Amino acid sequence: MVTFQLSGIDEWLATKLYIYTDNWQSKNNWWLDAVAHKGGRYLVIIVMLSLLSLTIVSYWRALWQPWQRKIGAYVCVATLSAIGIVSFLKGVTTLPCPWDIQGFGGDRPPVYLYDVFASDLVTGHCFPAGHASGGYAFFSLYFAAKVWRCKSPQSSSYNLWFLPGAFLGTIFGIDQQLRGAHFLSHDIASALICWGVCALLYWGFFTRGEPAQIDINH
């Protein structure tokens, strides 16, 4: 993240997009705003409500085996935690969005990562990237599939389950960069945070105190 910002890659890419989109005229583009932004948000909400409902119902009815319920609970907790942590950080960090910065149509000076929590600066409500986190939070599926593979060896490779989170996060991130809402480093920060949260909760749910093997029957 520091490399992208201090090396000028963030500014270089944002400048190219600013010119390409004619001063962020794409901000209200129907495909970028209504479909990829708002529609993507609704998609994440629908998927999470469906998964939460299935997981809750599975504790009342014998829909899933105990280890499957635990995987469902993990995906719900990890995905929502990743999104929630990114959302919290957006509310306390000072880095502004490209469209708020001088030279990109805004009136605020640039703020660098070493001032990300500076108390004398106003919050930017932009870092890390919130919309991208709605996709990257589904890195939880990768760790869930890893556990599923241990319980059901005949299932397909769990590595493929890395793709949904990576794909959605990348699409959501590009969408917001084209609208002027985020720098590339904002998306990378979200991806790293979501991966770290999902990995930490995977350890907490399934491997803590079980160094030899994953055993989630108890």
C-alpha atoms as a PDB file:
ATOM      1  CA  MET A   1       0.000   0.000   0.000  1.00  0.00           C
ATOM      2  CA  VAL A   2       2.790   2.396   0.939  1.00  0.00           C
ATOM      3  CA  THR A   3       4.586   1.506  -2.275  1.00  0.00           C
ATOM      4  CA  PHE A   4       1.566   2.289  -4.436  1.00  0.00           C
ATOM      5  CA  GLN A   5       0.950   5.610  -2.739  1.00  0.00           C
ATOM      6  CA  LEU A   6       4.453   6.980  -2.228  1.00  0.00           C
ATOM      7  CA  SER A   7       5.766   5.727  -5.583  1.00  0.00           C
ATOM      8  CA  GLY A   8       3.104   7.746  -7.362  1.00  0.00           C
ATOM      9  CA  ILE A   9       1.301   4.719  -8.831  1.00  0.00           C
ATOM     10  CA  ASP A  10      -1.936   5.708  -7.091  1.00  0.00           C
ATOM     11  CA  GLU A  11      -1.801   9.243  -8.457  1.00  0.00           C
ATOM     12  CA  TRP A  12      -0.660   8.114 -11.913  1.00  0.00           C
ATOM     13  CA  LEU A  13      -3.525   5.646 -12.303  1.00  0.00           C
ATOM     14  CA  ALA A  14      -6.093   8.061 -10.871  1.00  0.00           C
ATOM     15  CA  THR A  15      -4.897  10.747 -13.300  1.00  0.00           C
ATOM     16  CA  LYS A  16      -5.339   8.384 -16.242  1.00  0.00           C
ATOM     17  CA  LEU A  17      -8.840   7.488 -15.069  1.00  0.00           C
ATOM     18  CA  TYR A  18      -9.704  11.120 -14.358  1.00  0.00           C
ATOM     19  CA  ILE A  19      -8.818  12.059 -17.933  1.00  0.00           C
ATOM     20  CA  TYR A  20     -10.406   8.934 -19.422  1.00  0.00           C
ATOM     21  CA  THR A  21     -13.709   9.546 -17.627  1.00  0.00           C
ATOM     22  CA  ASP A  22     -13.702  13.283 -18.430  1.00  0.00           C
ATOM     23  CA  ASN A  23     -13.366  14.555 -14.851  1.00  0.00           C
ATOM     24  CA  TRP A  24     -15.288  11.691 -13.211  1.00  0.00           C
ATOM     25  CA  GLN A  25     -18.317  12.039 -15.466  1.00  0.00           C
ATOM     26  CA  SER A  26     -18.603   8.276 -14.898  1.00  0.00           C
ATOM     27  CA  LYS A  27     -19.527   8.920 -11.258  1.00  0.00           C
ATOM     28  CA  ASN A  28     -23.219   8.681 -12.102  1.00  0.00           C
ATOM     29  CA  ASN A  29     -22.872   6.281 -15.022  1.00  0.00           C
ATOM     30  CA  TRP A  30     -25.791   3.829 -14.879  1.00  0.00           C
ATOM     31  CA  TRP A  31     -23.640   0.708 -15.260  1.00  0.00           C
ATOM     32  CA  LEU A  32     -21.065   1.816 -12.721  1.00  0.00           C
ATOM     33  CA  ASP A  33     -23.399   3.361 -10.165  1.00  0.00           C
ATOM     34  CA  ALA A  34     -26.758   1.571 -10.417  1.00  0.00           C
ATOM     35  CA  VAL A  35     -25.523  -1.863 -11.542  1.00  0.00           C
ATOM     36  CA  ALA A  36     -21.991  -2.440 -10.216  1.00  0.00           C
ATOM     37  CA  HIS A  37     -22.198  -0.215  -7.133  1.00  0.00           C
ATOM     38  CA  LYS A  38     -25.755  -0.328  -5.825  1.00  0.00           C
ATOM     39  CA  GLY A  39     -26.568  -3.641  -7.512  1.00  0.00           C
ATOM     40  CA  GLY A  40     -23.371  -5.192  -6.181  1.00  0.00           C
ATOM     41  CA  ARG A  41     -24.255  -4.048  -2.682  1.00  0.00           C
ATOM     42  CA  TYR A  42     -27.708  -5.597  -2.938  1.00  0.00           C
ATOM     43  CA  LEU A  43     -26.176  -8.811  -4.256  1.00  0.00           C
ATOM     44  CA  VAL A  44     -23.930  -9.100  -1.197  1.00  0.00           C
ATOM     45  CA  ILE A  45     -26.870  -8.371   1.121  1.00  0.00           C
ATOM     46  CA  ILE A  46     -29.063 -11.013  -0.560  1.00  0.00           C
ATOM     47  CA  VAL A  47     -26.314 -13.641  -0.461  1.00  0.00           C
ATOM     48  CA  MET A  48     -25.557 -12.959   3.202  1.00  0.00           C
ATOM     49  CA  LEU A  49     -29.215 -12.939   4.259  1.00  0.00           C
ATOM     50  CA  SER A  50     -29.731 -16.245   2.455  1.00  0.00           C
ATOM     51  CA  LEU A  51     -26.684 -17.823   4.059  1.00  0.00           C
ATOM     52  CA  LEU A  52     -27.591 -16.488   7.502  1.00  0.00           C
ATOM     53  CA  SER A  53     -31.119 -17.830   7.155  1.00  0.00           C
ATOM     54  CA  LEU A  54     -29.920 -21.268   6.045  1.00  0.00           C
ATOM     55  CA  THR A  55     -27.384 -21.450   8.853  1.00  0.00           C
ATOM     56  CA  ILE A  56     -29.894 -20.418  11.521  1.00  0.00           C
ATOM     57  CA  VAL A  57     -32.559 -22.820  10.220  1.00  0.00           C
ATOM     58  CA  SER A  58     -29.989 -25.637  10.113  1.00  0.00           C
ATOM     59  CA  TYR A  59     -29.713 -25.458  13.915  1.00  0.00           C
ATOM     60  CA  TRP A  60     -33.455 -26.111  14.236  1.00  0.00           C
ATOM     61  CA  ARG A  61     -33.887 -28.649  11.480  1.00  0.00           C
ATOM     62  CA  ALA A  62     -31.546 -31.414  10.383  1.00  0.00           C
ATOM     63  CA  LEU A  63     -30.605 -29.724   7.111  1.00  0.00           C
ATOM     64  CA  TRP A  64     -26.850 -29.977   7.642  1.00  0.00           C
ATOM     65  CA  GLN A  65     -24.512 -32.126   9.662  1.00  0.00           C
ATOM     66  CA  PRO A  66     -22.876 -30.457  12.692  1.00  0.00           C
ATOM     67  CA  TRP A  67     -19.602 -29.843  10.861  1.00  0.00           C
ATOM     68  CA  GLN A  68     -21.491 -28.279   7.959  1.00  0.00           C
ATOM     69  CA  ARG A  69     -23.342 -25.960  10.332  1.00  0.00           C
ATOM     70  CA  LYS A  70     -20.038 -24.877  11.811  1.00  0.00           C
ATOM     71  CA  ILE A  71     -18.721 -24.070   8.346  1.00  0.00           C
ATOM     72  CA  GLY A  72     -21.864 -22.078   7.601  1.00  0.00           C
ATOM     73  CA  ALA A  73     -21.483 -20.155  10.849  1.00  0.00           C
ATOM     74  CA  TYR A  74     -17.836 -19.463  10.051  1.00  0.00           C
ATOM     75  CA  VAL A  75     -18.657 -18.041   6.604  1.00  0.00           C
ATOM     76  CA  CYS A  76     -21.313 -15.760   8.114  1.00  0.00           C
ATOM     77  CA  VAL A  77     -19.099 -14.517  10.943  1.00  0.00           C
ATOM     78  CA  ALA A  78     -15.946 -14.117   8.841  1.00  0.00           C
ATOM     79  CA  THR A  79     -17.644 -12.377   5.922  1.00  0.00           C
ATOM     80  CA  LEU A  80     -19.600  -9.953   8.085  1.00  0.00           C
ATOM     81  CA  SER A  81     -16.592  -9.289  10.330  1.00  0.00           C
ATOM     82  CA  ALA A  82     -14.369  -8.435   7.372  1.00  0.00           C
ATOM     83  CA  ILE A  83     -16.952  -6.017   5.971  1.00  0.00           C
ATOM     84  CA  GLY A  84     -17.579  -4.535   9.414  1.00  0.00           C
ATOM     85  CA  ILE A  85     -13.903  -3.925  10.188  1.00  0.00           C
ATOM     86  CA  VAL A  86     -13.324  -2.193   6.850  1.00  0.00           C
ATOM     87  CA  SER A  87     -16.437  -0.077   7.442  1.00  0.00           C
ATOM     88  CA  PHE A  88     -15.189   0.882  10.919  1.00  0.00           C
ATOM     89  CA  LEU A  89     -11.762   1.866   9.580  1.00  0.00           C
ATOM     90  CA  LYS A  90     -13.384   4.043   6.910  1.00  0.00           C
ATOM     91  CA  GLY A  91     -14.973   6.038   9.699  1.00  0.00           C
ATOM     92  CA  VAL A  92     -11.726   6.748  11.573  1.00  0.00           C
ATOM     93  CA  THR A  93      -9.065   7.122   8.851  1.00  0.00           C
ATOM     94  CA  THR A  94      -8.136  10.409   7.207  1.00  0.00           C
ATOM     95  CA  LEU A  95      -7.311   9.450   3.605  1.00  0.00           C
ATOM     96  CA  PRO A  96      -9.719  11.177   1.199  1.00  0.00           C
ATOM     97  CA  CYS A  97     -11.263   9.822  -1.999  1.00  0.00           C
ATOM     98  CA  PRO A  98      -9.749  10.893  -5.338  1.00  0.00           C
ATOM     99  CA  TRP A  99     -12.798  13.005  -6.206  1.00  0.00           C
ATOM    100  CA  ASP A 100     -12.235  15.034  -2.993  1.00  0.00           C
ATOM    101  CA  ILE A 101      -8.588  15.879  -3.743  1.00  0.00           C
ATOM    102  CA  GLN A 102      -7.179  18.975  -5.385  1.00  0.00           C
ATOM    103  CA  GLY A 103      -6.358  18.247  -9.011  1.00  0.00           C
ATOM    104  CA  PHE A 104      -9.071  15.601  -9.216  1.00  0.00           C
ATOM    105  CA  GLY A 105     -12.078  17.887  -8.881  1.00  0.00           C
ATOM    106  CA  GLY A 106     -11.985  18.323  -5.096  1.00  0.00           C
ATOM    107  CA  ASP A 107     -10.619  20.873  -2.668  1.00  0.00           C
ATOM    108  CA  ARG A 108      -8.756  18.748  -0.120  1.00  0.00           C
ATOM    109  CA  PRO A 109      -4.965  18.310  -0.109  1.00  0.00           C
ATOM    110  CA  PRO A 110      -3.578  14.771  -0.447  1.00  0.00           C
ATOM    111  CA  VAL A 111      -3.129  12.784   2.761  1.00  0.00           C
ATOM    112  CA  TYR A 112      -0.524  10.035   3.013  1.00  0.00           C
ATOM    113  CA  LEU A 113      -0.562   6.740   4.880  1.00  0.00           C
ATOM    114  CA  TYR A 114       1.708   7.975   7.673  1.00  0.00           C
ATOM    115  CA  ASP A 115      -1.110  10.386   8.600  1.00  0.00           C
ATOM    116  CA  VAL A 116      -3.872   7.805   8.265  1.00  0.00           C
ATOM    117  CA  PHE A 117      -4.919   8.211  11.920  1.00  0.00           C
ATOM    118  CA  ALA A 118      -3.807  11.814  12.457  1.00  0.00           C
ATOM    119  CA  SER A 119      -6.062  13.427  15.057  1.00  0.00           C
ATOM    120  CA  ASP A 120      -5.708  16.916  13.563  1.00  0.00           C
ATOM    121  CA  LEU A 121      -7.180  15.877  10.184  1.00  0.00           C
ATOM    122  CA  VAL A 122     -10.808  15.234   9.315  1.00  0.00           C
ATOM    123  CA  THR A 123     -11.871  11.699   8.528  1.00  0.00           C
ATOM    124  CA  GLY A 124     -11.886  10.867   4.841  1.00  0.00           C
ATOM    125  CA  HIS A 125     -14.555   8.132   4.920  1.00  0.00           C
ATOM    126  CA  CYS A 126     -12.693   6.491   2.063  1.00  0.00           C
ATOM    127  CA  PHE A 127      -9.903   4.184   3.287  1.00  0.00           C
ATOM    128  CA  PRO A 128      -9.968   1.204   3.070  1.00  0.00           C
ATOM    129  CA  ALA A 129     -12.347   0.604   0.154  1.00  0.00           C
ATOM    130  CA  GLY A 130     -15.760  -0.340   1.509  1.00  0.00           C
ATOM    131  CA  HIS A 131     -17.433  -1.552  -1.675  1.00  0.00           C
ATOM    132  CA  ALA A 132     -14.503  -3.786  -2.609  1.00  0.00           C
ATOM    133  CA  SER A 133     -14.634  -5.341   0.856  1.00  0.00           C
ATOM    134  CA  GLY A 134     -18.108  -6.658   0.025  1.00  0.00           C
ATOM    135  CA  GLY A 135     -16.404  -8.882  -2.528  1.00  0.00           C
ATOM    136  CA  TYR A 136     -13.089  -9.621  -0.827  1.00  0.00           C
ATOM    137  CA  ALA A 137     -14.917 -10.655   2.363  1.00  0.00           C
ATOM    138  CA  PHE A 138     -15.907 -13.814   0.495  1.00  0.00           C
ATOM    139  CA  PHE A 139     -12.336 -15.017   0.871  1.00  0.00           C
ATOM    140  CA  SER A 140     -14.152 -16.814   3.696  1.00  0.00           C
ATOM    141  CA  LEU A 141     -15.361 -19.306   1.084  1.00  0.00           C
ATOM    142  CA  TYR A 142     -11.774 -20.369   0.409  1.00  0.00           C
ATOM    143  CA  PHE A 143     -11.142 -21.237   4.040  1.00  0.00           C
ATOM    144  CA  ALA A 144     -14.575 -22.865   4.352  1.00  0.00           C
ATOM    145  CA  ALA A 145     -13.862 -25.028   1.307  1.00  0.00           C
ATOM    146  CA  LYS A 146     -10.514 -25.976   2.810  1.00  0.00           C
ATOM    147  CA  VAL A 147     -12.287 -27.415   5.851  1.00  0.00           C
ATOM    148  CA  TRP A 148     -14.965 -29.022   3.667  1.00  0.00           C
ATOM    149  CA  ARG A 149     -12.250 -30.774   1.645  1.00  0.00           C
ATOM    150  CA  CYS A 150     -10.798 -32.242   4.846  1.00  0.00           C
ATOM    151  CA  LYS A 151     -14.199 -33.681   5.760  1.00  0.00           C
ATOM    152  CA  SER A 152     -15.115 -34.686   2.216  1.00  0.00           C
ATOM    153  CA  PRO A 153     -11.925 -35.571   0.278  1.00  0.00           C
ATOM    154  CA  GLN A 154     -13.853 -36.389  -2.902  1.00  0.00           C
ATOM    155  CA  SER A 155     -14.980 -32.766  -3.259  1.00  0.00           C
ATOM    156  CA  SER A 156     -13.343 -30.484  -5.813  1.00  0.00           C
ATOM    157  CA  SER A 157     -10.187 -28.505  -5.072  1.00  0.00           C
ATOM    158  CA  TYR A 158     -10.737 -25.841  -2.424  1.00  0.00           C
ATOM    159  CA  ASN A 159      -8.337 -23.503  -4.252  1.00  0.00           C
ATOM    160  CA  LEU A 160     -11.092 -22.657  -6.735  1.00  0.00           C
ATOM    161  CA  TRP A 161     -13.100 -21.079  -3.915  1.00  0.00           C
ATOM    162  CA  PHE A 162     -10.534 -18.294  -3.732  1.00  0.00           C
ATOM    163  CA  LEU A 163     -11.952 -16.984  -7.002  1.00  0.00           C
ATOM    164  CA  PRO A 164     -15.422 -15.679  -5.957  1.00  0.00           C
ATOM    165  CA  GLY A 165     -13.974 -13.261  -3.417  1.00  0.00           C
ATOM    166  CA  ALA A 166     -11.093 -12.221  -5.666  1.00  0.00           C
ATOM    167  CA  PHE A 167     -13.389 -11.727  -8.677  1.00  0.00           C
ATOM    168  CA  LEU A 168     -16.100  -9.757  -6.876  1.00  0.00           C
ATOM    169  CA  GLY A 169     -13.589  -7.643  -4.967  1.00  0.00           C
ATOM    170  CA  THR A 170     -11.698  -6.784  -8.137  1.00  0.00           C
ATOM    171  CA  ILE A 171     -14.872  -5.903 -10.060  1.00  0.00           C
ATOM    172  CA  PHE A 172     -16.203  -3.765  -7.207  1.00  0.00           C
ATOM    173  CA  GLY A 173     -12.801  -2.107  -6.829  1.00  0.00           C
ATOM    174  CA  ILE A 174     -12.429  -1.253 -10.518  1.00  0.00           C
ATOM    175  CA  ASP A 175     -15.966   0.093 -10.530  1.00  0.00           C
ATOM    176  CA  GLN A 176     -15.217   2.530  -7.727  1.00  0.00           C
ATOM    177  CA  GLN A 177     -11.875   3.570  -9.184  1.00  0.00           C
ATOM    178  CA  LEU A 178     -13.613   4.464 -12.443  1.00  0.00           C
ATOM    179  CA  ARG A 179     -16.085   6.593 -10.477  1.00  0.00           C
ATOM    180  CA  GLY A 180     -13.295   8.414  -8.630  1.00  0.00           C
ATOM    181  CA  ALA A 181     -14.211   6.948  -5.263  1.00  0.00           C
ATOM    182  CA  HIS A 182     -10.964   5.088  -4.492  1.00  0.00           C
ATOM    183  CA  PHE A 183      -7.291   4.763  -5.256  1.00  0.00           C
ATOM    184  CA  LEU A 184      -5.795   1.380  -6.105  1.00  0.00           C
ATOM    185  CA  SER A 185      -4.103   1.213  -2.694  1.00  0.00           C
ATOM    186  CA  HIS A 186      -7.509   1.514  -1.003  1.00  0.00           C
ATOM    187  CA  ASP A 187      -8.625  -1.700  -2.716  1.00  0.00           C
ATOM    188  CA  ILE A 188      -5.397  -3.510  -1.906  1.00  0.00           C
ATOM    189  CA  ALA A 189      -5.807  -2.533   1.749  1.00  0.00           C
ATOM    190  CA  SER A 190      -9.341  -3.958   1.764  1.00  0.00           C
ATOM    191  CA  ALA A 191      -8.166  -7.203   0.185  1.00  0.00           C
ATOM    192  CA  LEU A 192      -5.410  -7.643   2.776  1.00  0.00           C
ATOM    193  CA  ILE A 193      -7.713  -6.833   5.691  1.00  0.00           C
ATOM    194  CA  CYS A 194     -10.414  -9.220   4.464  1.00  0.00           C
ATOM    195  CA  TRP A 195      -7.876 -12.003   3.938  1.00  0.00           C
ATOM    196  CA  GLY A 196      -6.390 -11.437   7.389  1.00  0.00           C
ATOM    197  CA  VAL A 197      -9.793 -11.424   9.126  1.00  0.00           C
ATOM    198  CA  CYS A 198     -10.941 -14.586   7.327  1.00  0.00           C
ATOM    199  CA  ALA A 199      -7.638 -16.347   8.062  1.00  0.00           C
ATOM    200  CA  LEU A 200      -7.702 -15.347  11.736  1.00  0.00           C
ATOM    201  CA  LEU A 201     -11.272 -16.558  12.213  1.00  0.00           C
ATOM    202  CA  TYR A 202     -10.458 -19.780  10.350  1.00  0.00           C
ATOM    203  CA  TRP A 203      -7.757 -20.369  12.933  1.00  0.00           C
ATOM    204  CA  GLY A 204     -10.156 -19.515  15.746  1.00  0.00           C
ATOM    205  CA  PHE A 205     -12.987 -21.701  14.462  1.00  0.00           C
ATOM    206  CA  PHE A 206     -11.101 -24.755  13.245  1.00  0.00           C
ATOM    207  CA  THR A 207      -7.400 -25.001  14.071  1.00  0.00           C
ATOM    208  CA  ARG A 208      -6.855 -23.332  17.459  1.00  0.00           C
ATOM    209  CA  GLY A 209      -5.627 -25.979  19.862  1.00  0.00           C
ATOM    210  CA  GLU A 210      -5.622 -28.642  17.124  1.00  0.00           C
ATOM    211  CA  PRO A 211      -2.104 -28.512  15.639  1.00  0.00           C
ATOM    212  CA  ALA A 212      -2.142 -32.027  14.236  1.00  0.00           C
ATOM    213  CA  GLN A 213      -5.293 -31.943  12.107  1.00  0.00           C
ATOM    214  CA  ILE A 214      -8.577 -30.180  11.566  1.00  0.00           C
ATOM    215  CA  ASP A 215     -11.304 -31.825  13.615  1.00  0.00           C
ATOM    216  CA  ILE A 216     -14.572 -29.918  13.769  1.00  0.00           C
ATOM    217  CA  ASN A 217     -16.860 -32.641  15.117  1.00  0.00           C
ATOM    218  CA  HIS A 218     -16.642 -31.263  18.630  1.00  0.00           C
END
